[in-house]
Amino acid sequence: MKERNVRTGFFEREQMERLLAHLPHAIRPAVQFAYITGWRIPSEVLRLQWRHVDCEARVVRLDPHTTKNDEGRTFPFTDTLEWLLEAQKAEHERLKAEGVICPRVFNRSNRKVKGKRITTFIKAFRAACTKAGCPGRIPHHLRRTAVRNLVRAGVPERVAMQMTGRKTRSVFERYDIVSPTTSATPRGSSTRGLGNLLERSLAIYLACSIL
């Protein structure tokens, strides 16, 4: 049976803004990263290390055999993603100056511990969703939202699948996600160019709330 409520399991822009406001400060960056990239939180986002971030090439990479489908993956910087990673890098350098070497991009610090690994935040996430007026949402819904935002912003389905690590089109069919294009990535396009295009497309999509 075809699912009737195609908005079920997604975060609308306003919901995401409210969610971030209610989340503990330490886990907001990881949630924002997942919202942009659609990467799996436990196995990909929370395990991301600085060696995976290539600021010169402006991409984030996952090594082969470290993802669920064993395939390597890259996601180009957008301006928003770059800003997020720069903020995390500044925190990394601050901890380093205090003698704490933390290879992970996302971690938590408080009065007792510094640079502690984040293993899960499901309870805090669910509590924040309730306060944000979207009870019942789970972190995996960020993954669905990301691929929908990419495709509706004009990123070809095949490219969106590669960027988010999806092997099948089931998410498009199940949630009625329609792509406005059918072409593949333009030949000769650089990661910087793709990132800039992606940023503009997402900005226009989110600003217009084409949901």
C-alpha atoms as a PDB file:
ATOM      1  CA  MET A   1       0.000   0.000   0.000  1.00  0.00           C
ATOM      2  CA  LYS A   2       1.323   3.435  -0.898  1.00  0.00           C
ATOM      3  CA  GLU A   3       2.108   5.604   2.076  1.00  0.00           C
ATOM      4  CA  ARG A   4      -0.367   8.493   2.230  1.00  0.00           C
ATOM      5  CA  ASN A   5       1.388  10.968   4.480  1.00  0.00           C
ATOM      6  CA  VAL A   6       4.554  11.692   2.515  1.00  0.00           C
ATOM      7  CA  ARG A   7       5.717  14.189   5.151  1.00  0.00           C
ATOM      8  CA  THR A   8       5.940  11.516   7.823  1.00  0.00           C
ATOM      9  CA  GLY A   9       9.510  10.936   8.896  1.00  0.00           C
ATOM     10  CA  PHE A  10      10.952  14.251   7.716  1.00  0.00           C
ATOM     11  CA  PHE A  11      12.092  17.442   9.390  1.00  0.00           C
ATOM     12  CA  GLU A  12      10.700  20.609   7.909  1.00  0.00           C
ATOM     13  CA  ARG A  13      12.946  23.665   8.099  1.00  0.00           C
ATOM     14  CA  GLU A  14      11.105  25.276  10.997  1.00  0.00           C
ATOM     15  CA  GLN A  15      11.099  22.010  12.922  1.00  0.00           C
ATOM     16  CA  MET A  16      14.834  21.668  12.463  1.00  0.00           C
ATOM     17  CA  GLU A  17      15.442  25.160  13.770  1.00  0.00           C
ATOM     18  CA  ARG A  18      13.359  24.467  16.860  1.00  0.00           C
ATOM     19  CA  LEU A  19      15.009  21.083  17.356  1.00  0.00           C
ATOM     20  CA  LEU A  20      18.500  22.591  17.362  1.00  0.00           C
ATOM     21  CA  ALA A  21      17.409  25.190  19.883  1.00  0.00           C
ATOM     22  CA  HIS A  22      16.332  22.466  22.317  1.00  0.00           C
ATOM     23  CA  LEU A  23      19.312  20.141  21.860  1.00  0.00           C
ATOM     24  CA  PRO A  24      22.282  20.147  24.243  1.00  0.00           C
ATOM     25  CA  HIS A  25      25.007  22.361  22.793  1.00  0.00           C
ATOM     26  CA  ALA A  26      27.514  19.492  22.458  1.00  0.00           C
ATOM     27  CA  ILE A  27      25.421  17.432  20.045  1.00  0.00           C
ATOM     28  CA  ARG A  28      24.049  20.224  17.847  1.00  0.00           C
ATOM     29  CA  PRO A  29      26.990  20.087  15.384  1.00  0.00           C
ATOM     30  CA  ALA A  30      26.602  16.340  14.826  1.00  0.00           C
ATOM     31  CA  VAL A  31      22.878  16.739  14.214  1.00  0.00           C
ATOM     32  CA  GLN A  32      23.473  19.621  11.805  1.00  0.00           C
ATOM     33  CA  PHE A  33      26.060  17.550   9.943  1.00  0.00           C
ATOM     34  CA  ALA A  34      23.615  14.655   9.621  1.00  0.00           C
ATOM     35  CA  TYR A  35      20.887  17.033   8.445  1.00  0.00           C
ATOM     36  CA  ILE A  36      23.130  18.289   5.636  1.00  0.00           C
ATOM     37  CA  THR A  37      24.823  15.049   4.572  1.00  0.00           C
ATOM     38  CA  GLY A  38      22.276  12.351   5.395  1.00  0.00           C
ATOM     39  CA  TRP A  39      25.068  10.152   6.741  1.00  0.00           C
ATOM     40  CA  ARG A  40      24.359   7.473   9.331  1.00  0.00           C
ATOM     41  CA  ILE A  41      24.835   8.941  12.786  1.00  0.00           C
ATOM     42  CA  PRO A  42      26.168   6.024  14.891  1.00  0.00           C
ATOM     43  CA  SER A  43      28.526   4.499  12.327  1.00  0.00           C
ATOM     44  CA  GLU A  44      29.523   7.452  10.142  1.00  0.00           C
ATOM     45  CA  VAL A  45      28.892  10.848  11.754  1.00  0.00           C
ATOM     46  CA  LEU A  46      29.954  10.101  15.322  1.00  0.00           C
ATOM     47  CA  ARG A  47      32.987   8.123  14.121  1.00  0.00           C
ATOM     48  CA  LEU A  48      34.154  10.837  11.734  1.00  0.00           C
ATOM     49  CA  GLN A  49      37.769  11.854  12.300  1.00  0.00           C
ATOM     50  CA  TRP A  50      39.761  14.842  11.132  1.00  0.00           C
ATOM     51  CA  ARG A  51      41.711  12.670   8.711  1.00  0.00           C
ATOM     52  CA  HIS A  52      38.448  12.327   6.783  1.00  0.00           C
ATOM     53  CA  VAL A  53      38.122  16.097   6.320  1.00  0.00           C
ATOM     54  CA  ASP A  54      40.044  17.514   3.359  1.00  0.00           C
ATOM     55  CA  CYS A  55      39.862  21.284   3.661  1.00  0.00           C
ATOM     56  CA  GLU A  56      42.040  21.830   0.589  1.00  0.00           C
ATOM     57  CA  ALA A  57      39.828  19.735  -1.674  1.00  0.00           C
ATOM     58  CA  ARG A  58      36.751  20.908   0.271  1.00  0.00           C
ATOM     59  CA  VAL A  59      35.304  17.438   0.758  1.00  0.00           C
ATOM     60  CA  VAL A  60      34.570  15.042   3.589  1.00  0.00           C
ATOM     61  CA  ARG A  61      35.521  11.446   2.824  1.00  0.00           C
ATOM     62  CA  LEU A  62      34.621   8.066   4.221  1.00  0.00           C
ATOM     63  CA  ASP A  63      37.045   5.220   3.561  1.00  0.00           C
ATOM     64  CA  PRO A  64      35.942   2.045   1.757  1.00  0.00           C
ATOM     65  CA  HIS A  65      34.855  -0.779   4.065  1.00  0.00           C
ATOM     66  CA  THR A  66      33.953   1.686   6.837  1.00  0.00           C
ATOM     67  CA  THR A  67      30.385   2.298   5.655  1.00  0.00           C
ATOM     68  CA  LYS A  68      27.338   0.045   5.773  1.00  0.00           C
ATOM     69  CA  ASN A  69      27.614  -0.798   2.079  1.00  0.00           C
ATOM     70  CA  ASP A  70      31.447  -0.984   2.230  1.00  0.00           C
ATOM     71  CA  GLU A  71      31.797   1.735  -0.400  1.00  0.00           C
ATOM     72  CA  GLY A  72      33.835   4.894   0.061  1.00  0.00           C
ATOM     73  CA  ARG A  73      32.005   8.188  -0.081  1.00  0.00           C
ATOM     74  CA  THR A  74      32.618  11.912  -0.482  1.00  0.00           C
ATOM     75  CA  PHE A  75      30.470  14.918   0.291  1.00  0.00           C
ATOM     76  CA  PRO A  76      31.525  18.352  -1.030  1.00  0.00           C
ATOM     77  CA  PHE A  77      31.663  21.336   1.258  1.00  0.00           C
ATOM     78  CA  THR A  78      28.797  23.748   1.166  1.00  0.00           C
ATOM     79  CA  ASP A  79      29.272  27.118   2.844  1.00  0.00           C
ATOM     80  CA  THR A  80      27.171  25.930   5.763  1.00  0.00           C
ATOM     81  CA  LEU A  81      29.079  22.664   6.092  1.00  0.00           C
ATOM     82  CA  GLU A  82      32.398  24.494   5.882  1.00  0.00           C
ATOM     83  CA  TRP A  83      31.327  26.906   8.623  1.00  0.00           C
ATOM     84  CA  LEU A  84      30.271  23.986  10.794  1.00  0.00           C
ATOM     85  CA  LEU A  85      33.573  22.162  10.326  1.00  0.00           C
ATOM     86  CA  GLU A  86      35.583  25.324  10.941  1.00  0.00           C
ATOM     87  CA  ALA A  87      33.807  25.776  14.269  1.00  0.00           C
ATOM     88  CA  GLN A  88      34.573  22.169  15.202  1.00  0.00           C
ATOM     89  CA  LYS A  89      38.193  22.625  14.143  1.00  0.00           C
ATOM     90  CA  ALA A  90      38.493  25.673  16.391  1.00  0.00           C
ATOM     91  CA  GLU A  91      37.245  23.566  19.311  1.00  0.00           C
ATOM     92  CA  HIS A  92      39.728  20.843  18.329  1.00  0.00           C
ATOM     93  CA  GLU A  93      42.585  23.349  18.441  1.00  0.00           C
ATOM     94  CA  ARG A  94      41.378  24.720  21.775  1.00  0.00           C
ATOM     95  CA  LEU A  95      41.440  21.241  23.296  1.00  0.00           C
ATOM     96  CA  LYS A  96      44.832  20.569  21.732  1.00  0.00           C
ATOM     97  CA  ALA A  97      46.221  23.690  23.396  1.00  0.00           C
ATOM     98  CA  GLU A  98      45.043  22.240  26.706  1.00  0.00           C
ATOM     99  CA  GLY A  99      46.838  18.988  26.033  1.00  0.00           C
ATOM    100  CA  VAL A 100      43.801  17.014  24.844  1.00  0.00           C
ATOM    101  CA  ILE A 101      44.292  15.323  21.470  1.00  0.00           C
ATOM    102  CA  CYS A 102      40.947  14.270  20.057  1.00  0.00           C
ATOM    103  CA  PRO A 103      40.903  12.776  16.539  1.00  0.00           C
ATOM    104  CA  ARG A 104      37.105  12.851  16.308  1.00  0.00           C
ATOM    105  CA  VAL A 105      35.259  15.753  14.690  1.00  0.00           C
ATOM    106  CA  PHE A 106      32.361  15.519  17.131  1.00  0.00           C
ATOM    107  CA  ASN A 107      32.877  15.143  20.871  1.00  0.00           C
ATOM    108  CA  ARG A 108      31.650  16.583  24.128  1.00  0.00           C
ATOM    109  CA  SER A 109      33.407  18.475  26.881  1.00  0.00           C
ATOM    110  CA  ASN A 110      32.320  19.611  30.316  1.00  0.00           C
ATOM    111  CA  ARG A 111      33.873  20.393  33.671  1.00  0.00           C
ATOM    112  CA  LYS A 112      34.768  16.771  34.322  1.00  0.00           C
ATOM    113  CA  VAL A 113      35.851  15.533  30.890  1.00  0.00           C
ATOM    114  CA  LYS A 114      37.259  17.056  27.715  1.00  0.00           C
ATOM    115  CA  GLY A 115      36.997  15.639  24.227  1.00  0.00           C
ATOM    116  CA  LYS A 116      34.863  12.693  25.281  1.00  0.00           C
ATOM    117  CA  ARG A 117      33.525  10.518  22.496  1.00  0.00           C
ATOM    118  CA  ILE A 118      29.801  10.818  21.775  1.00  0.00           C
ATOM    119  CA  THR A 119      28.382   7.319  21.403  1.00  0.00           C
ATOM    120  CA  THR A 120      24.661   8.090  21.373  1.00  0.00           C
ATOM    121  CA  PHE A 121      22.238  10.896  22.072  1.00  0.00           C
ATOM    122  CA  ILE A 122      18.896   9.251  21.381  1.00  0.00           C
ATOM    123  CA  LYS A 123      17.288  10.265  24.708  1.00  0.00           C
ATOM    124  CA  ALA A 124      18.319  13.906  24.351  1.00  0.00           C
ATOM    125  CA  PHE A 125      17.194  13.873  20.723  1.00  0.00           C
ATOM    126  CA  ARG A 126      13.740  12.521  21.514  1.00  0.00           C
ATOM    127  CA  ALA A 127      13.299  14.976  24.382  1.00  0.00           C
ATOM    128  CA  ALA A 128      14.281  17.885  22.121  1.00  0.00           C
ATOM    129  CA  CYS A 129      11.884  16.690  19.416  1.00  0.00           C
ATOM    130  CA  THR A 130       9.027  16.718  21.917  1.00  0.00           C
ATOM    131  CA  LYS A 131       9.900  20.222  23.059  1.00  0.00           C
ATOM    132  CA  ALA A 132      10.227  21.333  19.424  1.00  0.00           C
ATOM    133  CA  GLY A 133       6.703  20.150  18.657  1.00  0.00           C
ATOM    134  CA  CYS A 134       7.650  17.143  16.546  1.00  0.00           C
ATOM    135  CA  PRO A 135       7.389  14.178  18.921  1.00  0.00           C
ATOM    136  CA  GLY A 136       8.146  10.740  17.603  1.00  0.00           C
ATOM    137  CA  ARG A 137      10.946  11.798  15.284  1.00  0.00           C
ATOM    138  CA  ILE A 138      14.157   9.773  15.431  1.00  0.00           C
ATOM    139  CA  PRO A 139      17.703  10.539  14.221  1.00  0.00           C
ATOM    140  CA  HIS A 140      17.222   8.367  11.117  1.00  0.00           C
ATOM    141  CA  HIS A 141      14.656  10.894   9.889  1.00  0.00           C
ATOM    142  CA  LEU A 142      17.544  13.314   9.349  1.00  0.00           C
ATOM    143  CA  ARG A 143      18.822  10.889   6.730  1.00  0.00           C
ATOM    144  CA  ARG A 144      15.521  10.859   4.863  1.00  0.00           C
ATOM    145  CA  THR A 145      15.302  14.631   5.101  1.00  0.00           C
ATOM    146  CA  ALA A 146      18.785  15.137   3.666  1.00  0.00           C
ATOM    147  CA  VAL A 147      18.191  13.029   0.584  1.00  0.00           C
ATOM    148  CA  ARG A 148      14.847  14.734  -0.012  1.00  0.00           C
ATOM    149  CA  ASN A 149      16.431  18.185   0.304  1.00  0.00           C
ATOM    150  CA  LEU A 150      19.219  17.242  -2.088  1.00  0.00           C
ATOM    151  CA  VAL A 151      16.913  15.875  -4.764  1.00  0.00           C
ATOM    152  CA  ARG A 152      14.336  18.639  -4.529  1.00  0.00           C
ATOM    153  CA  ALA A 153      17.158  21.182  -4.688  1.00  0.00           C
ATOM    154  CA  GLY A 154      18.084  19.795  -8.109  1.00  0.00           C
ATOM    155  CA  VAL A 155      20.758  17.219  -7.297  1.00  0.00           C
ATOM    156  CA  PRO A 156      20.256  14.176  -9.564  1.00  0.00           C
ATOM    157  CA  GLU A 157      18.924  11.109  -7.769  1.00  0.00           C
ATOM    158  CA  ARG A 158      21.970   9.000  -8.578  1.00  0.00           C
ATOM    159  CA  VAL A 159      24.305  11.633  -7.171  1.00  0.00           C
ATOM    160  CA  ALA A 160      22.147  12.120  -4.072  1.00  0.00           C
ATOM    161  CA  MET A 161      22.204   8.361  -3.499  1.00  0.00           C
ATOM    162  CA  GLN A 162      25.992   8.290  -3.775  1.00  0.00           C
ATOM    163  CA  MET A 163      26.453  11.275  -1.462  1.00  0.00           C
ATOM    164  CA  THR A 164      24.214   9.830   1.252  1.00  0.00           C
ATOM    165  CA  GLY A 165      25.246   6.194   0.854  1.00  0.00           C
ATOM    166  CA  ARG A 166      22.037   4.702  -0.481  1.00  0.00           C
ATOM    167  CA  LYS A 167      22.046   1.643  -2.710  1.00  0.00           C
ATOM    168  CA  THR A 168      18.393   1.551  -3.813  1.00  0.00           C
ATOM    169  CA  ARG A 169      15.662   3.975  -4.819  1.00  0.00           C
ATOM    170  CA  SER A 170      13.247   2.742  -2.164  1.00  0.00           C
ATOM    171  CA  VAL A 171      13.303   6.026  -0.241  1.00  0.00           C
ATOM    172  CA  PHE A 172      12.233   7.948  -3.355  1.00  0.00           C
ATOM    173  CA  GLU A 173       9.359   5.607  -4.081  1.00  0.00           C
ATOM    174  CA  ARG A 174       8.202   5.165  -0.482  1.00  0.00           C
ATOM    175  CA  TYR A 175       8.114   8.876   0.319  1.00  0.00           C
ATOM    176  CA  ASP A 176       7.165  10.217  -3.107  1.00  0.00           C
ATOM    177  CA  ILE A 177      10.422  12.135  -3.544  1.00  0.00           C
ATOM    178  CA  VAL A 178      10.487  13.497  -7.085  1.00  0.00           C
ATOM    179  CA  SER A 179      13.628  14.626  -8.847  1.00  0.00           C
ATOM    180  CA  PRO A 180      13.358  17.620 -11.196  1.00  0.00           C
ATOM    181  CA  THR A 181      16.348  16.356 -13.191  1.00  0.00           C
ATOM    182  CA  THR A 182      17.502  13.084 -14.650  1.00  0.00           C
ATOM    183  CA  SER A 183      21.043  13.984 -15.647  1.00  0.00           C
ATOM    184  CA  ALA A 184      24.164  12.757 -13.888  1.00  0.00           C
ATOM    185  CA  THR A 185      26.902  14.919 -12.440  1.00  0.00           C
ATOM    186  CA  PRO A 186      28.208  17.306 -15.132  1.00  0.00           C
ATOM    187  CA  ARG A 187      31.457  16.135 -16.663  1.00  0.00           C
ATOM    188  CA  GLY A 188      34.471  18.110 -15.568  1.00  0.00           C
ATOM    189  CA  SER A 189      32.724  19.600 -12.551  1.00  0.00           C
ATOM    190  CA  SER A 190      35.001  20.125  -9.558  1.00  0.00           C
ATOM    191  CA  THR A 191      34.109  19.348  -5.976  1.00  0.00           C
ATOM    192  CA  ARG A 192      34.262  23.078  -5.270  1.00  0.00           C
ATOM    193  CA  GLY A 193      31.872  23.758  -8.120  1.00  0.00           C
ATOM    194  CA  LEU A 194      29.526  20.998  -7.007  1.00  0.00           C
ATOM    195  CA  GLY A 195      29.678  22.275  -3.454  1.00  0.00           C
ATOM    196  CA  ASN A 196      28.834  25.822  -4.514  1.00  0.00           C
ATOM    197  CA  LEU A 197      26.011  24.567  -6.735  1.00  0.00           C
ATOM    198  CA  LEU A 198      24.736  22.400  -3.915  1.00  0.00           C
ATOM    199  CA  GLU A 199      24.837  25.307  -1.473  1.00  0.00           C
ATOM    200  CA  ARG A 200      22.910  27.604  -3.805  1.00  0.00           C
ATOM    201  CA  SER A 201      20.367  24.912  -4.632  1.00  0.00           C
ATOM    202  CA  LEU A 202      19.748  24.029  -0.994  1.00  0.00           C
ATOM    203  CA  ALA A 203      19.570  27.694  -0.003  1.00  0.00           C
ATOM    204  CA  ILE A 204      16.942  28.384  -2.640  1.00  0.00           C
ATOM    205  CA  TYR A 205      15.020  25.242  -1.728  1.00  0.00           C
ATOM    206  CA  LEU A 206      14.971  25.919   1.985  1.00  0.00           C
ATOM    207  CA  ALA A 207      14.254  29.618   1.570  1.00  0.00           C
ATOM    208  CA  CYS A 208      11.260  28.902  -0.624  1.00  0.00           C
ATOM    209  CA  SER A 209      10.103  26.002   1.587  1.00  0.00           C
ATOM    210  CA  ILE A 210       9.311  23.793  -1.400  1.00  0.00           C
ATOM    211  CA  LEU A 211       8.058  20.914   0.712  1.00  0.00           C
END
